[in-house]
C-alpha atoms as a PDB file:
ATOM      1  CA  MET A   1       0.000   0.000   0.000  1.00  0.00           C
ATOM      2  CA  PRO A   2       1.511   3.367  -0.981  1.00  0.00           C
ATOM      3  CA  ALA A   3       1.952   6.221   1.459  1.00  0.00           C
ATOM      4  CA  THR A   4       0.281   9.562   0.761  1.00  0.00           C
ATOM      5  CA  ALA A   5       1.280  13.099   1.625  1.00  0.00           C
ATOM      6  CA  GLN A   6       0.005  16.638   1.191  1.00  0.00           C
ATOM      7  CA  PRO A   7       2.376  18.651  -1.036  1.00  0.00           C
ATOM      8  CA  ASP A   8       3.935  21.776   0.442  1.00  0.00           C
ATOM      9  CA  GLN A   9       5.660  23.151  -2.660  1.00  0.00           C
ATOM     10  CA  ALA A  10       4.708  24.069  -6.214  1.00  0.00           C
ATOM     11  CA  ILE A  11       6.817  24.691  -9.311  1.00  0.00           C
ATOM     12  CA  VAL A  12       4.964  27.189 -11.506  1.00  0.00           C
ATOM     13  CA  ARG A  13       5.976  27.888 -15.115  1.00  0.00           C
ATOM     14  CA  PHE A  14       4.775  30.990 -16.935  1.00  0.00           C
ATOM     15  CA  GLY A  15       5.375  31.745 -20.589  1.00  0.00           C
ATOM     16  CA  VAL A  16       6.247  35.214 -21.872  1.00  0.00           C
ATOM     17  CA  GLU A  17       5.607  35.609 -25.614  1.00  0.00           C
ATOM     18  CA  THR A  18       6.003  38.783 -27.647  1.00  0.00           C
ATOM     19  CA  GLN A  19       5.701  39.454 -31.378  1.00  0.00           C
ATOM     20  CA  ALA A  20       7.082  42.418 -33.317  1.00  0.00           C
ATOM     21  CA  GLU A  21       8.205  43.413 -36.807  1.00  0.00           C
ATOM     22  CA  THR A  22      11.902  43.253 -35.921  1.00  0.00           C
ATOM     23  CA  ALA A  23      13.937  40.835 -33.833  1.00  0.00           C
ATOM     24  CA  GLN A  24      15.267  43.653 -31.657  1.00  0.00           C
ATOM     25  CA  GLU A  25      11.774  44.932 -30.922  1.00  0.00           C
ATOM     26  CA  ALA A  26      10.457  41.475 -30.041  1.00  0.00           C
ATOM     27  CA  ARG A  27      13.455  40.906 -27.752  1.00  0.00           C
ATOM     28  CA  SER A  28      13.031  44.266 -26.051  1.00  0.00           C
ATOM     29  CA  GLN A  29       9.298  43.793 -25.459  1.00  0.00           C
ATOM     30  CA  ASN A  30       9.939  40.336 -24.065  1.00  0.00           C
ATOM     31  CA  ALA A  31      12.579  41.611 -21.662  1.00  0.00           C
ATOM     32  CA  THR A  32      10.167  44.233 -20.319  1.00  0.00           C
ATOM     33  CA  ALA A  33       7.277  41.773 -19.915  1.00  0.00           C
ATOM     34  CA  ALA A  34       9.513  39.177 -18.216  1.00  0.00           C
ATOM     35  CA  LYS A  35      10.921  41.815 -15.858  1.00  0.00           C
ATOM     36  CA  ASN A  36       7.396  42.894 -14.896  1.00  0.00           C
ATOM     37  CA  ALA A  37       6.407  39.275 -14.238  1.00  0.00           C
ATOM     38  CA  MET A  38       9.448  38.759 -12.009  1.00  0.00           C
ATOM     39  CA  ASN A  39       8.648  41.952 -10.094  1.00  0.00           C
ATOM     40  CA  ALA A  40       5.125  40.654  -9.464  1.00  0.00           C
ATOM     41  CA  VAL A  41       6.686  37.547  -7.889  1.00  0.00           C
ATOM     42  CA  ARG A  42       8.993  39.692  -5.743  1.00  0.00           C
ATOM     43  CA  ASN A  43       6.035  41.726  -4.530  1.00  0.00           C
ATOM     44  CA  LEU A  44       4.646  38.550  -2.933  1.00  0.00           C
ATOM     45  CA  ASP A  45       7.863  38.172  -0.895  1.00  0.00           C
ATOM     46  CA  VAL A  46       9.103  35.135  -2.801  1.00  0.00           C
ATOM     47  CA  PRO A  47      12.885  34.809  -2.204  1.00  0.00           C
ATOM     48  CA  GLU A  48      15.089  35.719  -5.151  1.00  0.00           C
ATOM     49  CA  GLU A  49      16.669  32.264  -5.276  1.00  0.00           C
ATOM     50  CA  LYS A  50      13.217  30.710  -5.765  1.00  0.00           C
ATOM     51  CA  MET A  51      12.633  32.366  -9.147  1.00  0.00           C
ATOM     52  CA  ARG A  52      14.436  32.373 -12.461  1.00  0.00           C
ATOM     53  CA  MET A  53      14.068  33.349 -16.099  1.00  0.00           C
ATOM     54  CA  GLU A  54      15.002  30.750 -18.678  1.00  0.00           C
ATOM     55  CA  SER A  55      16.891  31.548 -21.869  1.00  0.00           C
ATOM     56  CA  LEU A  56      15.234  33.562 -24.613  1.00  0.00           C
ATOM     57  CA  ARG A  57      14.136  31.857 -27.834  1.00  0.00           C
ATOM     58  CA  LEU A  58      13.828  34.132 -30.846  1.00  0.00           C
ATOM     59  CA  GLN A  59      12.426  32.904 -34.141  1.00  0.00           C
ATOM     60  CA  PRO A  60      11.061  34.428 -37.369  1.00  0.00           C
ATOM     61  CA  GLN A  61       7.347  34.302 -38.186  1.00  0.00           C
ATOM     62  CA  TYR A  62       6.154  33.538 -41.695  1.00  0.00           C
ATOM     63  CA  GLU A  63       2.834  33.668 -43.520  1.00  0.00           C
ATOM     64  CA  TYR A  64       2.072  32.031 -46.834  1.00  0.00           C
ATOM     65  CA  ASP A  65       1.266  34.409 -49.697  1.00  0.00           C
ATOM     66  CA  ASP A  66      -1.258  32.742 -52.001  1.00  0.00           C
ATOM     67  CA  GLU A  67      -0.568  35.135 -54.858  1.00  0.00           C
ATOM     68  CA  ARG A  68       3.192  34.725 -54.823  1.00  0.00           C
ATOM     69  CA  LYS A  69       2.993  31.062 -53.791  1.00  0.00           C
ATOM     70  CA  GLN A  70       5.694  31.517 -51.175  1.00  0.00           C
ATOM     71  CA  ARG A  71       6.238  32.212 -47.502  1.00  0.00           C
ATOM     72  CA  GLU A  72       6.908  35.778 -46.446  1.00  0.00           C
ATOM     73  CA  LEU A  73       8.557  37.048 -43.299  1.00  0.00           C
ATOM     74  CA  VAL A  74       6.009  38.992 -41.238  1.00  0.00           C
ATOM     75  CA  GLY A  75       7.884  39.484 -37.977  1.00  0.00           C
ATOM     76  CA  TYR A  76       9.597  37.805 -35.060  1.00  0.00           C
ATOM     77  CA  GLU A  77       8.466  36.030 -31.911  1.00  0.00           C
ATOM     78  CA  ALA A  78      10.417  36.039 -28.651  1.00  0.00           C
ATOM     79  CA  THR A  79       9.615  33.418 -26.007  1.00  0.00           C
ATOM     80  CA  ARG A  80      10.939  32.624 -22.548  1.00  0.00           C
ATOM     81  CA  GLN A  81       9.714  31.071 -19.325  1.00  0.00           C
ATOM     82  CA  VAL A  82       9.541  32.427 -15.806  1.00  0.00           C
ATOM     83  CA  VAL A  83       9.879  29.596 -13.258  1.00  0.00           C
ATOM     84  CA  VAL A  84       8.876  30.034  -9.616  1.00  0.00           C
ATOM     85  CA  GLU A  85       9.384  27.588  -6.744  1.00  0.00           C
ATOM     86  CA  LEU A  86       6.647  28.403  -4.279  1.00  0.00           C
ATOM     87  CA  ASN A  87       6.779  27.277  -0.647  1.00  0.00           C
ATOM     88  CA  ARG A  88       3.509  28.955   0.408  1.00  0.00           C
ATOM     89  CA  LEU A  89       0.728  27.245  -1.494  1.00  0.00           C
ATOM     90  CA  GLU A  90      -1.910  29.524   0.007  1.00  0.00           C
ATOM     91  CA  ILE A  91      -0.694  32.407  -2.191  1.00  0.00           C
ATOM     92  CA  LEU A  92      -0.669  30.360  -5.412  1.00  0.00           C
ATOM     93  CA  PRO A  93      -3.944  31.789  -6.839  1.00  0.00           C
ATOM     94  CA  GLN A  94      -2.745  35.340  -6.157  1.00  0.00           C
ATOM     95  CA  LEU A  95       0.679  34.593  -7.643  1.00  0.00           C
ATOM     96  CA  VAL A  96      -0.859  33.279 -10.854  1.00  0.00           C
ATOM     97  CA  ALA A  97      -3.194  36.258 -11.198  1.00  0.00           C
ATOM     98  CA  ASP A  98      -0.475  38.832 -10.495  1.00  0.00           C
ATOM     99  CA  VAL A  99       2.164  37.326 -12.771  1.00  0.00           C
ATOM    100  CA  VAL A 100      -0.170  36.834 -15.729  1.00  0.00           C
ATOM    101  CA  GLU A 101      -1.575  40.340 -15.294  1.00  0.00           C
ATOM    102  CA  SER A 102       1.897  41.873 -15.015  1.00  0.00           C
ATOM    103  CA  GLY A 103       3.616  40.418 -18.048  1.00  0.00           C
ATOM    104  CA  ALA A 104       3.325  36.683 -18.615  1.00  0.00           C
ATOM    105  CA  ASN A 105       0.735  35.734 -21.224  1.00  0.00           C
ATOM    106  CA  ARG A 106       0.893  31.965 -20.922  1.00  0.00           C
ATOM    107  CA  LEU A 107       0.456  29.744 -17.890  1.00  0.00           C
ATOM    108  CA  ASP A 108       2.214  26.513 -18.822  1.00  0.00           C
ATOM    109  CA  ASP A 109       2.378  24.191 -15.863  1.00  0.00           C
ATOM    110  CA  ILE A 110       1.953  23.793 -12.109  1.00  0.00           C
ATOM    111  CA  ARG A 111       3.700  20.823 -10.510  1.00  0.00           C
ATOM    112  CA  TYR A 112       3.309  20.015  -6.827  1.00  0.00           C
ATOM    113  CA  GLN A 113       6.009  18.374  -4.740  1.00  0.00           C
ATOM    114  CA  LEU A 114       7.386  17.786  -1.238  1.00  0.00           C
ATOM    115  CA  SER A 115      10.169  19.818   0.324  1.00  0.00           C
ATOM    116  CA  ASP A 116      11.262  16.815   2.445  1.00  0.00           C
ATOM    117  CA  ARG A 117      10.752  13.406   0.904  1.00  0.00           C
ATOM    118  CA  SER A 118      12.689  11.326   3.410  1.00  0.00           C
ATOM    119  CA  GLN A 119       9.963  10.739   6.011  1.00  0.00           C
ATOM    120  CA  PHE A 120       7.411   9.695   3.364  1.00  0.00           C
ATOM    121  CA  ARG A 121       9.961   7.470   1.639  1.00  0.00           C
ATOM    122  CA  ASN A 122      10.606   5.741   4.957  1.00  0.00           C
ATOM    123  CA  GLU A 123       6.873   5.303   5.567  1.00  0.00           C
ATOM    124  CA  ALA A 124       6.426   3.764   2.110  1.00  0.00           C
ATOM    125  CA  LEU A 125       9.324   1.383   2.741  1.00  0.00           C
ATOM    126  CA  ARG A 126       7.854   0.323   6.092  1.00  0.00           C
ATOM    127  CA  LYS A 127       4.481  -0.380   4.482  1.00  0.00           C
ATOM    128  CA  ALA A 128       6.144  -2.348   1.685  1.00  0.00           C
ATOM    129  CA  ALA A 129       8.114  -4.432   4.188  1.00  0.00           C
ATOM    130  CA  GLN A 130       4.984  -5.123   6.273  1.00  0.00           C
ATOM    131  CA  ALA A 131       3.086  -6.148   3.141  1.00  0.00           C
ATOM    132  CA  ALA A 132       5.924  -8.485   2.172  1.00  0.00           C
ATOM    133  CA  ARG A 133       5.816 -10.169   5.578  1.00  0.00           C
ATOM    134  CA  GLU A 134       2.029 -10.559   5.458  1.00  0.00           C
ATOM    135  CA  LYS A 135       2.160 -12.170   2.013  1.00  0.00           C
ATOM    136  CA  ALA A 136       5.009 -14.436   3.014  1.00  0.00           C
ATOM    137  CA  GLN A 137       3.124 -15.449   6.167  1.00  0.00           C
ATOM    138  CA  LEU A 138       0.035 -16.346   4.122  1.00  0.00           C
ATOM    139  CA  LEU A 139       2.038 -18.442   1.674  1.00  0.00           C
ATOM    140  CA  ALA A 140       3.932 -20.185   4.438  1.00  0.00           C
ATOM    141  CA  GLU A 141       0.749 -21.125   6.286  1.00  0.00           C
ATOM    142  CA  THR A 142      -0.738 -22.446   3.053  1.00  0.00           C
ATOM    143  CA  LEU A 143       2.281 -24.747   2.729  1.00  0.00           C
ATOM    144  CA  ASP A 144       2.149 -25.846   6.380  1.00  0.00           C
ATOM    145  CA  ALA A 145       5.337 -23.989   7.202  1.00  0.00           C
ATOM    146  CA  GLN A 146       6.350 -21.111   9.416  1.00  0.00           C
ATOM    147  CA  LEU A 147       8.382 -18.036   8.655  1.00  0.00           C
ATOM    148  CA  GLY A 148      11.904 -18.138   9.940  1.00  0.00           C
ATOM    149  CA  PRO A 149      14.439 -15.307  10.156  1.00  0.00           C
ATOM    150  CA  VAL A 150      14.822 -12.805   7.338  1.00  0.00           C
ATOM    151  CA  HIS A 151      17.535 -13.937   4.952  1.00  0.00           C
ATOM    152  CA  ALA A 152      17.772 -10.887   2.647  1.00  0.00           C
ATOM    153  CA  ILE A 153      16.054  -7.576   1.918  1.00  0.00           C
ATOM    154  CA  ASN A 154      16.342  -5.650  -1.342  1.00  0.00           C
ATOM    155  CA  GLU A 155      14.663  -2.398  -2.348  1.00  0.00           C
ATOM    156  CA  GLN A 156      13.275  -2.946  -5.838  1.00  0.00           C
ATOM    157  CA  SER A 157      11.806   0.441  -6.750  1.00  0.00           C
ATOM    158  CA  PHE A 158      10.710   3.741  -5.327  1.00  0.00           C
ATOM    159  CA  SER A 159       8.539   6.498  -6.862  1.00  0.00           C
ATOM    160  CA  PHE A 160       6.698   9.744  -6.155  1.00  0.00           C
ATOM    161  CA  MET A 161       3.510  10.357  -8.126  1.00  0.00           C
ATOM    162  CA  GLU A 162       3.473  14.151  -8.067  1.00  0.00           C
ATOM    163  CA  PRO A 163       0.243  15.823  -9.236  1.00  0.00           C
ATOM    164  CA  ARG A 164       0.460  18.376 -12.019  1.00  0.00           C
ATOM    165  CA  VAL A 165      -2.035  20.952 -13.212  1.00  0.00           C
ATOM    166  CA  ARG A 166      -2.107  21.837 -16.889  1.00  0.00           C
ATOM    167  CA  LEU A 167      -4.398  24.780 -17.101  1.00  0.00           C
ATOM    168  CA  SER A 168      -6.838  25.289 -19.928  1.00  0.00           C
ATOM    169  CA  ALA A 169      -7.235  28.551 -21.815  1.00  0.00           C
ATOM    170  CA  GLU A 170     -10.341  29.286 -19.719  1.00  0.00           C
ATOM    171  CA  MET A 171      -8.412  28.875 -16.469  1.00  0.00           C
ATOM    172  CA  ALA A 172      -5.581  31.044 -17.745  1.00  0.00           C
ATOM    173  CA  LYS A 173      -8.089  33.729 -18.702  1.00  0.00           C
ATOM    174  CA  ALA A 174      -9.622  33.553 -15.227  1.00  0.00           C
ATOM    175  CA  ALA A 175      -6.150  33.975 -13.749  1.00  0.00           C
ATOM    176  CA  ASP A 176      -5.581  37.027 -15.939  1.00  0.00           C
ATOM    177  CA  THR A 177      -8.688  38.706 -14.553  1.00  0.00           C
ATOM    178  CA  GLY A 178      -8.018  37.615 -10.975  1.00  0.00           C
ATOM    179  CA  GLN A 179     -11.159  35.480 -10.911  1.00  0.00           C
ATOM    180  CA  ALA A 180      -9.631  32.028 -10.548  1.00  0.00           C
ATOM    181  CA  GLU A 181     -10.937  30.263  -7.452  1.00  0.00           C
ATOM    182  CA  PRO A 182      -8.442  28.642  -5.042  1.00  0.00           C
ATOM    183  CA  GLU A 183     -10.124  25.274  -5.703  1.00  0.00           C
ATOM    184  CA  ALA A 184      -8.873  25.480  -9.297  1.00  0.00           C
ATOM    185  CA  TYR A 185      -5.350  24.908  -7.978  1.00  0.00           C
ATOM    186  CA  ALA A 186      -6.155  22.112  -5.520  1.00  0.00           C
ATOM    187  CA  ALA A 187      -3.073  19.947  -5.273  1.00  0.00           C
ATOM    188  CA  GLY A 188      -4.579  16.676  -4.094  1.00  0.00           C
ATOM    189  CA  GLU A 189      -2.187  14.156  -2.576  1.00  0.00           C
ATOM    190  CA  ILE A 190       1.243  12.895  -3.554  1.00  0.00           C
ATOM    191  CA  GLU A 191       1.446   9.113  -3.719  1.00  0.00           C
ATOM    192  CA  VAL A 192       4.710   7.601  -2.511  1.00  0.00           C
ATOM    193  CA  SER A 193       5.294   3.982  -3.530  1.00  0.00           C
ATOM    194  CA  ALA A 194       8.031   1.504  -2.703  1.00  0.00           C
ATOM    195  CA  ASP A 195       8.633  -2.141  -3.631  1.00  0.00           C
ATOM    196  CA  VAL A 196      10.887  -4.397  -1.604  1.00  0.00           C
ATOM    197  CA  GLN A 197      11.941  -8.006  -1.974  1.00  0.00           C
ATOM    198  CA  VAL A 198      12.220  -9.911   1.298  1.00  0.00           C
ATOM    199  CA  VAL A 199      13.581 -13.455   1.483  1.00  0.00           C
ATOM    200  CA  PHE A 200      12.616 -15.460   4.574  1.00  0.00           C
ATOM    201  CA  ASN A 201      13.907 -18.768   5.789  1.00  0.00           C
ATOM    202  CA  LEU A 202      11.114 -21.343   6.125  1.00  0.00           C
ATOM    203  CA  VAL A 203      10.641 -23.664   9.074  1.00  0.00           C
ATOM    204  CA  THR A 204       8.799 -26.871   8.223  1.00  0.00           C
ATOM    205  CA  ALA A 205       7.496 -29.624  10.492  1.00  0.00           C
ATOM    206  CA  SER A 206      10.577 -31.729   9.829  1.00  0.00           C
ATOM    207  CA  ASP A 207      12.814 -28.906  11.038  1.00  0.00           C
ATOM    208  CA  GLN A 208      11.079 -28.612  14.399  1.00  0.00           C
END
């Protein structure tokens, strides 16, 4: 049986996209919008080390001209992401609304996680070990034997199923107007799973 935990962190990714006739203009507009988005994060007292801007991607934009039967350059698009690691989930709805309103025009992803995984990993391992003993006990009794000492224990696998929220255009629009309800960002639970292999010695009637 997996262990479950309430997340206490969120990684939020915002997209900043700008279009202009020239590459320089698109880059400049993007820098301003990204700066405004970062300032909105700072205004919510998020530590500087918990936010970052990813590298800028600049690419030409083309449209097909039916008369000339060819593509024509119509401008440039600049794109980058603002990434925020949030340790106060209660301000997530406000963060989304403020950042989108201030400069980001795309809300890409919200991923929930745990700041300290160790205690939940240990709980999952304990549950896996208990389940292994219970199964071994059942099989031993079926074969008219008893469990002896543990011979070997091996951890087979370990995983965190972290919930993610991919927001629709409607949710992003609600964030832009500050109307998104807190329930829209409900994190749910993180499922922590572990598999262990336990080898027991068996005691049969002839051994007793």
